[in-house]
Amino acid sequence: MVSVTTTYLEMLDSGSLKASARELPAQCQIALVPHISADFSKFLYRSVGSDLNWADRLIWSRQQWQDAISQEGTETYVLYVNHAPAGYVELVSRLKEADVETTEVEIMYFGLFPEATGQGLGGILLSEGIARAWDVDSRWESLPPVSRVWVHTCSLDGPAAIPNYEARGLTVYHTETEDLDPQDGAIGLWPASS
């Protein structure tokens, strides 16, 4: 068993966004992938999450995956470096439970491919993802204005996760710890190094 702490962070006002001070390098771009396929989404998920024990979606069928990413208000933005995917952010919008007149947006998945970490790209991609979360209602007629953007991360994610979220203006509102069975390594893209 491994003790895992999950941290929940939120932003309640778009004015709280602190964009990365870095600019997107010339060889990079961040783009919305309209009508993303289940195969491309799974590729992004596994490429970012294989070293981070992301496994919750791996049992899904292609149709379950496509249904999840095709929901109204769900968007995927991909960071490209020299025209190759290097990270992504997936946003999921829902009507706020206590107030159906507003939308809350969860940063469902966010991260970089291993070779893209440590270059300042995570702050840039997260800044763009949060900005697009705050204006998602401008792209989906059925969604009322956004009142909250939130994310959760756990101690299995990279050590830069929480500092990056907080640097962008998200604040911690809840933490919880539980014991989990560690994954056996079979979910990764590559065999473990010996």
Protein backbone atom coordinates (compact mmCIF):
# COMPACT_ATOMS: atom_id res chain seq x y z
CA MET A 1 0.00 0.00 0.00
CA VAL A 2 1.06 3.56 -0.75
CA SER A 3 -0.24 6.60 1.09
CA VAL A 4 -1.50 9.12 -1.50
CA THR A 5 -2.55 12.68 -0.73
CA THR A 6 -5.01 14.35 -3.10
CA THR A 7 -5.06 18.14 -3.16
CA TYR A 8 -7.98 20.13 -4.58
CA LEU A 9 -7.42 23.68 -5.83
CA GLU A 10 -9.80 26.28 -7.23
CA MET A 11 -10.07 29.75 -8.72
CA LEU A 12 -13.29 31.70 -8.18
CA ASP A 13 -12.59 34.75 -10.33
CA SER A 14 -10.92 35.08 -13.71
CA GLY A 15 -9.02 38.11 -12.41
CA SER A 16 -7.08 35.77 -10.10
CA LEU A 17 -5.26 34.16 -13.04
CA LYS A 18 -1.54 34.91 -12.89
CA ALA A 19 -0.30 34.08 -16.36
CA SER A 20 3.16 32.66 -16.80
CA ALA A 21 5.79 35.37 -17.20
CA ARG A 22 7.36 33.27 -19.93
CA GLU A 23 6.26 33.57 -23.52
CA LEU A 24 5.49 30.62 -25.72
CA PRO A 25 8.69 29.84 -27.66
CA ALA A 26 8.58 30.36 -31.43
CA GLN A 27 8.77 26.61 -32.14
CA CYS A 28 5.71 25.97 -29.94
CA GLN A 29 1.99 26.44 -30.27
CA ILE A 30 -1.08 25.61 -28.20
CA ALA A 31 -4.16 24.64 -30.16
CA LEU A 32 -7.68 23.44 -29.49
CA VAL A 33 -8.28 20.03 -31.04
CA PRO A 34 -11.87 20.19 -32.29
CA HIS A 35 -13.61 16.82 -32.49
CA ILE A 36 -10.68 15.01 -30.87
CA SER A 37 -10.69 11.26 -31.41
CA ALA A 38 -10.59 8.71 -28.61
CA ASP A 39 -7.31 7.39 -30.03
CA PHE A 40 -5.55 10.78 -29.94
CA SER A 41 -6.97 11.54 -26.49
CA LYS A 42 -5.74 8.18 -25.15
CA PHE A 43 -2.32 8.78 -26.71
CA LEU A 44 -2.06 12.13 -24.90
CA TYR A 45 -3.31 10.62 -21.63
CA ARG A 46 -0.82 7.75 -21.73
CA SER A 47 2.08 9.90 -22.91
CA VAL A 48 1.66 12.28 -19.97
CA GLY A 49 0.35 9.85 -17.38
CA SER A 50 2.28 6.63 -17.92
CA ASP A 51 4.97 7.62 -15.42
CA LEU A 52 2.42 9.15 -13.03
CA ASN A 53 0.20 6.09 -12.49
CA TRP A 54 -2.73 7.52 -14.44
CA ALA A 55 -4.94 4.49 -14.91
CA ASP A 56 -8.57 5.48 -14.34
CA ARG A 57 -9.47 5.62 -18.04
CA LEU A 58 -7.40 2.68 -19.25
CA ILE A 59 -10.25 0.21 -18.66
CA TRP A 60 -12.61 2.22 -20.88
CA SER A 61 -13.75 1.05 -24.29
CA ARG A 62 -13.13 3.28 -27.29
CA GLN A 63 -16.81 4.30 -27.19
CA GLN A 64 -16.71 5.20 -23.48
CA TRP A 65 -13.64 7.30 -24.11
CA GLN A 66 -15.21 9.04 -27.12
CA ASP A 67 -18.41 9.70 -25.16
CA ALA A 68 -16.43 11.36 -22.35
CA ILE A 69 -14.41 13.68 -24.59
CA SER A 70 -17.40 14.53 -26.80
CA GLN A 71 -19.58 15.92 -24.02
CA GLU A 72 -20.74 19.47 -24.49
CA GLY A 73 -18.27 21.88 -22.91
CA THR A 74 -15.36 19.42 -22.98
CA GLU A 75 -12.28 20.73 -24.77
CA THR A 76 -8.72 19.51 -25.31
CA TYR A 77 -5.83 21.88 -25.94
CA VAL A 78 -2.52 20.43 -27.11
CA LEU A 79 0.93 21.93 -26.73
CA TYR A 80 3.00 21.27 -29.83
CA VAL A 81 6.79 21.65 -29.93
CA ASN A 82 8.20 21.61 -33.46
CA HIS A 83 4.79 20.36 -34.64
CA ALA A 84 4.85 17.30 -32.33
CA PRO A 85 2.52 16.91 -29.32
CA ALA A 86 4.33 17.66 -26.04
CA GLY A 87 1.51 18.11 -23.53
CA TYR A 88 -2.17 18.82 -23.13
CA VAL A 89 -4.95 20.12 -20.97
CA GLU A 90 -8.48 18.67 -20.98
CA LEU A 91 -11.29 20.88 -19.68
CA VAL A 92 -14.67 19.52 -18.58
CA SER A 93 -17.54 21.97 -18.03
CA ARG A 94 -20.57 21.31 -15.86
CA LEU A 95 -23.44 23.35 -14.54
CA LYS A 96 -22.63 24.23 -10.95
CA GLU A 97 -24.59 21.90 -8.67
CA ALA A 98 -25.89 24.55 -6.26
CA ASP A 99 -26.40 27.17 -8.97
CA VAL A 100 -27.45 26.02 -12.45
CA GLU A 101 -27.06 29.61 -13.66
CA THR A 102 -23.28 29.26 -13.66
CA THR A 103 -20.71 26.83 -15.02
CA GLU A 104 -17.75 25.30 -13.26
CA VAL A 105 -14.85 23.94 -15.28
CA GLU A 106 -12.61 21.14 -14.10
CA ILE A 107 -9.11 20.84 -15.43
CA MET A 108 -9.61 17.12 -15.82
CA TYR A 109 -6.12 16.33 -17.12
CA PHE A 110 -3.06 18.48 -17.53
CA GLY A 111 0.57 17.68 -18.09
CA LEU A 112 3.61 17.48 -20.30
CA PHE A 113 5.32 14.58 -22.01
CA PRO A 114 8.45 13.65 -20.00
CA GLU A 115 10.83 15.16 -22.56
CA ALA A 116 9.04 18.54 -22.35
CA THR A 117 9.33 19.01 -18.59
CA GLY A 118 11.75 21.43 -16.99
CA GLN A 119 11.57 24.00 -19.80
CA GLY A 120 8.94 26.35 -18.38
CA LEU A 121 6.29 25.05 -20.77
CA GLY A 122 3.99 23.75 -18.01
CA GLY A 123 3.26 27.24 -16.69
CA ILE A 124 2.54 28.51 -20.18
CA LEU A 125 0.21 25.61 -21.02
CA LEU A 126 -1.58 25.84 -17.66
CA SER A 127 -2.06 29.60 -18.06
CA GLU A 128 -3.65 29.04 -21.47
CA GLY A 129 -5.81 26.21 -20.13
CA ILE A 130 -7.15 28.31 -17.25
CA ALA A 131 -7.81 31.27 -19.56
CA ARG A 132 -9.76 28.99 -21.94
CA ALA A 133 -11.66 27.53 -18.97
CA TRP A 134 -12.84 31.01 -17.98
CA ASP A 135 -14.17 31.79 -21.47
CA VAL A 136 -15.54 28.33 -22.37
CA ASP A 137 -19.10 29.71 -22.25
CA SER A 138 -18.25 31.93 -25.23
CA ARG A 139 -17.74 28.78 -27.33
CA TRP A 140 -20.70 26.75 -26.03
CA GLU A 141 -24.07 28.53 -26.28
CA SER A 142 -25.68 26.17 -23.76
CA LEU A 143 -23.26 27.08 -20.97
CA PRO A 144 -23.93 29.96 -18.58
CA PRO A 145 -20.99 32.10 -17.41
CA VAL A 146 -18.14 30.38 -15.58
CA SER A 147 -17.94 30.96 -11.83
CA ARG A 148 -15.27 28.45 -10.84
CA VAL A 149 -12.26 26.63 -12.29
CA TRP A 150 -10.86 23.74 -10.28
CA VAL A 151 -8.41 20.86 -10.40
CA HIS A 152 -7.17 18.04 -8.25
CA THR A 153 -3.71 16.57 -8.14
CA CYS A 154 -2.12 13.88 -6.03
CA SER A 155 1.23 13.11 -4.50
CA LEU A 156 1.93 10.65 -7.35
CA ASP A 157 1.98 13.55 -9.83
CA GLY A 158 5.16 15.48 -10.49
CA PRO A 159 6.62 17.65 -7.72
CA ALA A 160 6.00 20.83 -9.74
CA ALA A 161 2.22 20.28 -9.95
CA ILE A 162 1.00 22.14 -6.84
CA PRO A 163 3.56 24.98 -7.10
CA ASN A 164 2.54 25.49 -10.76
CA TYR A 165 -1.17 25.56 -9.89
CA GLU A 166 -0.59 28.01 -7.05
CA ALA A 167 1.67 30.20 -9.19
CA ARG A 168 -1.22 30.54 -11.67
CA GLY A 169 -3.56 31.75 -8.89
CA LEU A 170 -5.37 28.55 -7.88
CA THR A 171 -5.74 28.05 -4.12
CA VAL A 172 -6.01 24.86 -2.08
CA TYR A 173 -9.47 24.23 -0.62
CA HIS A 174 -9.29 20.58 0.42
CA THR A 175 -6.83 17.71 0.92
CA GLU A 176 -7.36 14.04 1.71
CA THR A 177 -5.08 11.06 2.17
CA GLU A 178 -5.81 7.42 1.41
CA ASP A 179 -3.88 4.18 1.05
CA LEU A 180 -3.82 2.78 -2.49
CA ASP A 181 -2.37 -0.31 -4.10
CA PRO A 182 0.53 0.80 -6.30
CA GLN A 183 0.26 -0.03 -9.98
CA ASP A 184 2.48 -2.86 -11.12
CA GLY A 185 4.00 -0.83 -13.95
CA ALA A 186 2.03 -2.62 -16.65
CA ILE A 187 0.12 0.52 -17.55
CA GLY A 188 3.06 2.57 -18.79
CA LEU A 189 3.97 3.17 -22.39
CA TRP A 190 7.42 1.67 -21.92
CA PRO A 191 8.75 -1.20 -19.82
CA ALA A 192 10.38 -0.16 -16.57
CA SER A 193 14.16 0.26 -16.79
CA SER A 194 16.10 -2.43 -15.03
